[in-house]
Amino acid sequence: MPASLLTELIIRPLVEIMVHVVGYLTGIGVVSVFTLGRYSVEPLLPEQRPRPRIRKRGNAPLQPYVVSADDAVLIGFLFWAVVLGAGALIWWLTK
């Protein structure tokens, strides 16, 4: 009983946070590399105060498209699933 309580209250949330952060950081790298910087990922934690909007006249540089943080986590997980699948396939073929 105490071990299951310890697992549910402490260990499980820590593991979920670590997995989420690893997926997010991987997603940032994958999105940046595969889109050549055209897409960016929104911050994981929202900012405390919004930035003021400044209007520019003339030819403003194109702003990158923004991918949501949840989508970045999914992209990171898919990347690692493909890497593990390719590694398993290569291992199976070389046996």
C-alpha atoms as a PDB file:
ATOM      1  CA  MET A   1       0.000   0.000   0.000  1.00  0.00           C
ATOM      2  CA  PRO A   2       2.652   2.641   0.868  1.00  0.00           C
ATOM      3  CA  ALA A   3       4.678   1.772  -2.224  1.00  0.00           C
ATOM      4  CA  SER A   4       1.697   2.291  -4.535  1.00  0.00           C
ATOM      5  CA  LEU A   5       0.904   5.589  -2.820  1.00  0.00           C
ATOM      6  CA  LEU A   6       4.506   6.706  -3.254  1.00  0.00           C
ATOM      7  CA  THR A   7       4.398   5.722  -6.917  1.00  0.00           C
ATOM      8  CA  GLU A   8       1.131   7.532  -7.622  1.00  0.00           C
ATOM      9  CA  LEU A   9       1.957  10.736  -5.773  1.00  0.00           C
ATOM     10  CA  ILE A  10       5.651  11.257  -6.442  1.00  0.00           C
ATOM     11  CA  ILE A  11       7.260   9.028  -9.024  1.00  0.00           C
ATOM     12  CA  ARG A  12       4.555   9.020 -11.712  1.00  0.00           C
ATOM     13  CA  PRO A  13       4.247  12.850 -11.977  1.00  0.00           C
ATOM     14  CA  LEU A  14       8.042  13.203 -12.123  1.00  0.00           C
ATOM     15  CA  VAL A  15       8.297  10.648 -14.928  1.00  0.00           C
ATOM     16  CA  GLU A  16       5.458  12.325 -16.844  1.00  0.00           C
ATOM     17  CA  ILE A  17       7.134  15.733 -16.543  1.00  0.00           C
ATOM     18  CA  MET A  18      10.480  14.339 -17.709  1.00  0.00           C
ATOM     19  CA  VAL A  19       8.913  12.563 -20.689  1.00  0.00           C
ATOM     20  CA  HIS A  20       6.969  15.694 -21.643  1.00  0.00           C
ATOM     21  CA  VAL A  21      10.068  17.904 -21.485  1.00  0.00           C
ATOM     22  CA  VAL A  22      12.192  15.438 -23.490  1.00  0.00           C
ATOM     23  CA  GLY A  23       9.470  15.222 -26.159  1.00  0.00           C
ATOM     24  CA  TYR A  24       9.177  19.019 -26.242  1.00  0.00           C
ATOM     25  CA  LEU A  25      12.917  19.616 -26.594  1.00  0.00           C
ATOM     26  CA  THR A  26      13.184  16.955 -29.284  1.00  0.00           C
ATOM     27  CA  GLY A  27      10.191  18.505 -31.053  1.00  0.00           C
ATOM     28  CA  ILE A  28      11.883  21.908 -31.084  1.00  0.00           C
ATOM     29  CA  GLY A  29      14.954  20.424 -32.738  1.00  0.00           C
ATOM     30  CA  VAL A  30      13.017  18.347 -35.251  1.00  0.00           C
ATOM     31  CA  VAL A  31      10.718  21.216 -36.252  1.00  0.00           C
ATOM     32  CA  SER A  32      13.624  23.616 -36.655  1.00  0.00           C
ATOM     33  CA  VAL A  33      15.752  21.222 -38.696  1.00  0.00           C
ATOM     34  CA  PHE A  34      13.101  19.735 -40.965  1.00  0.00           C
ATOM     35  CA  THR A  35      11.417  23.083 -41.756  1.00  0.00           C
ATOM     36  CA  LEU A  36      14.716  24.982 -42.083  1.00  0.00           C
ATOM     37  CA  GLY A  37      13.604  27.533 -39.514  1.00  0.00           C
ATOM     38  CA  ARG A  38      10.332  28.431 -41.236  1.00  0.00           C
ATOM     39  CA  TYR A  39       8.325  27.038 -38.304  1.00  0.00           C
ATOM     40  CA  SER A  40       9.021  27.682 -34.644  1.00  0.00           C
ATOM     41  CA  VAL A  41       7.603  26.164 -31.468  1.00  0.00           C
ATOM     42  CA  GLU A  42       5.669  28.167 -28.903  1.00  0.00           C
ATOM     43  CA  PRO A  43       7.118  28.383 -25.390  1.00  0.00           C
ATOM     44  CA  LEU A  44       6.225  25.567 -23.020  1.00  0.00           C
ATOM     45  CA  LEU A  45       5.303  27.968 -20.237  1.00  0.00           C
ATOM     46  CA  PRO A  46       3.393  31.144 -21.130  1.00  0.00           C
ATOM     47  CA  GLU A  47       5.020  34.479 -20.478  1.00  0.00           C
ATOM     48  CA  GLN A  48       3.899  36.462 -17.457  1.00  0.00           C
ATOM     49  CA  ARG A  49       3.172  39.648 -19.358  1.00  0.00           C
ATOM     50  CA  PRO A  50       2.395  40.019 -23.024  1.00  0.00           C
ATOM     51  CA  ARG A  51       4.815  41.790 -25.318  1.00  0.00           C
ATOM     52  CA  PRO A  52       3.675  45.099 -26.743  1.00  0.00           C
ATOM     53  CA  ARG A  53       2.796  44.955 -30.410  1.00  0.00           C
ATOM     54  CA  ILE A  54       4.866  47.235 -32.574  1.00  0.00           C
ATOM     55  CA  ARG A  55       3.671  48.016 -36.061  1.00  0.00           C
ATOM     56  CA  LYS A  56       6.254  48.255 -38.769  1.00  0.00           C
ATOM     57  CA  ARG A  57       5.712  49.869 -42.085  1.00  0.00           C
ATOM     58  CA  GLY A  58       7.311  48.765 -45.281  1.00  0.00           C
ATOM     59  CA  ASN A  59       8.663  45.334 -46.015  1.00  0.00           C
ATOM     60  CA  ALA A  60       8.693  43.477 -42.742  1.00  0.00           C
ATOM     61  CA  PRO A  61      10.504  40.128 -42.671  1.00  0.00           C
ATOM     62  CA  LEU A  62       8.283  37.080 -42.766  1.00  0.00           C
ATOM     63  CA  GLN A  63       7.413  35.780 -39.331  1.00  0.00           C
ATOM     64  CA  PRO A  64       7.839  32.053 -38.793  1.00  0.00           C
ATOM     65  CA  TYR A  65       4.772  29.904 -38.374  1.00  0.00           C
ATOM     66  CA  VAL A  66       4.227  28.708 -34.825  1.00  0.00           C
ATOM     67  CA  VAL A  67       3.657  25.095 -33.814  1.00  0.00           C
ATOM     68  CA  SER A  68       1.880  24.518 -30.506  1.00  0.00           C
ATOM     69  CA  ALA A  69       3.816  23.018 -27.604  1.00  0.00           C
ATOM     70  CA  ASP A  70       1.576  19.936 -27.529  1.00  0.00           C
ATOM     71  CA  ASP A  71       2.208  19.318 -31.220  1.00  0.00           C
ATOM     72  CA  ALA A  72       5.948  19.671 -30.614  1.00  0.00           C
ATOM     73  CA  VAL A  73       5.751  16.992 -27.919  1.00  0.00           C
ATOM     74  CA  LEU A  74       3.900  14.697 -30.347  1.00  0.00           C
ATOM     75  CA  ILE A  75       6.470  15.363 -33.079  1.00  0.00           C
ATOM     76  CA  GLY A  76       9.264  14.574 -30.606  1.00  0.00           C
ATOM     77  CA  PHE A  77       7.617  11.283 -29.632  1.00  0.00           C
ATOM     78  CA  LEU A  78       7.066  10.348 -33.269  1.00  0.00           C
ATOM     79  CA  PHE A  79      10.721  11.090 -34.014  1.00  0.00           C
ATOM     80  CA  TRP A  80      11.901   8.766 -31.222  1.00  0.00           C
ATOM     81  CA  ALA A  81       9.394   6.093 -32.300  1.00  0.00           C
ATOM     82  CA  VAL A  82      10.818   6.192 -35.835  1.00  0.00           C
ATOM     83  CA  VAL A  83      14.391   6.068 -34.523  1.00  0.00           C
ATOM     84  CA  LEU A  84      13.615   3.085 -32.274  1.00  0.00           C
ATOM     85  CA  GLY A  85      11.676   1.352 -35.056  1.00  0.00           C
ATOM     86  CA  ALA A  86      14.510   1.844 -37.535  1.00  0.00           C
ATOM     87  CA  GLY A  87      17.014   0.587 -34.967  1.00  0.00           C
ATOM     88  CA  ALA A  88      14.907  -2.488 -34.264  1.00  0.00           C
ATOM     89  CA  LEU A  89      14.512  -3.156 -37.978  1.00  0.00           C
ATOM     90  CA  ILE A  90      18.254  -2.860 -38.593  1.00  0.00           C
ATOM     91  CA  TRP A  91      18.978  -5.125 -35.615  1.00  0.00           C
ATOM     92  CA  TRP A  92      16.441  -7.689 -36.856  1.00  0.00           C
ATOM     93  CA  LEU A  93      17.827  -7.633 -40.407  1.00  0.00           C
ATOM     94  CA  THR A  94      21.423  -8.088 -39.273  1.00  0.00           C
ATOM     95  CA  LYS A  95      20.704 -11.115 -37.036  1.00  0.00           C
END
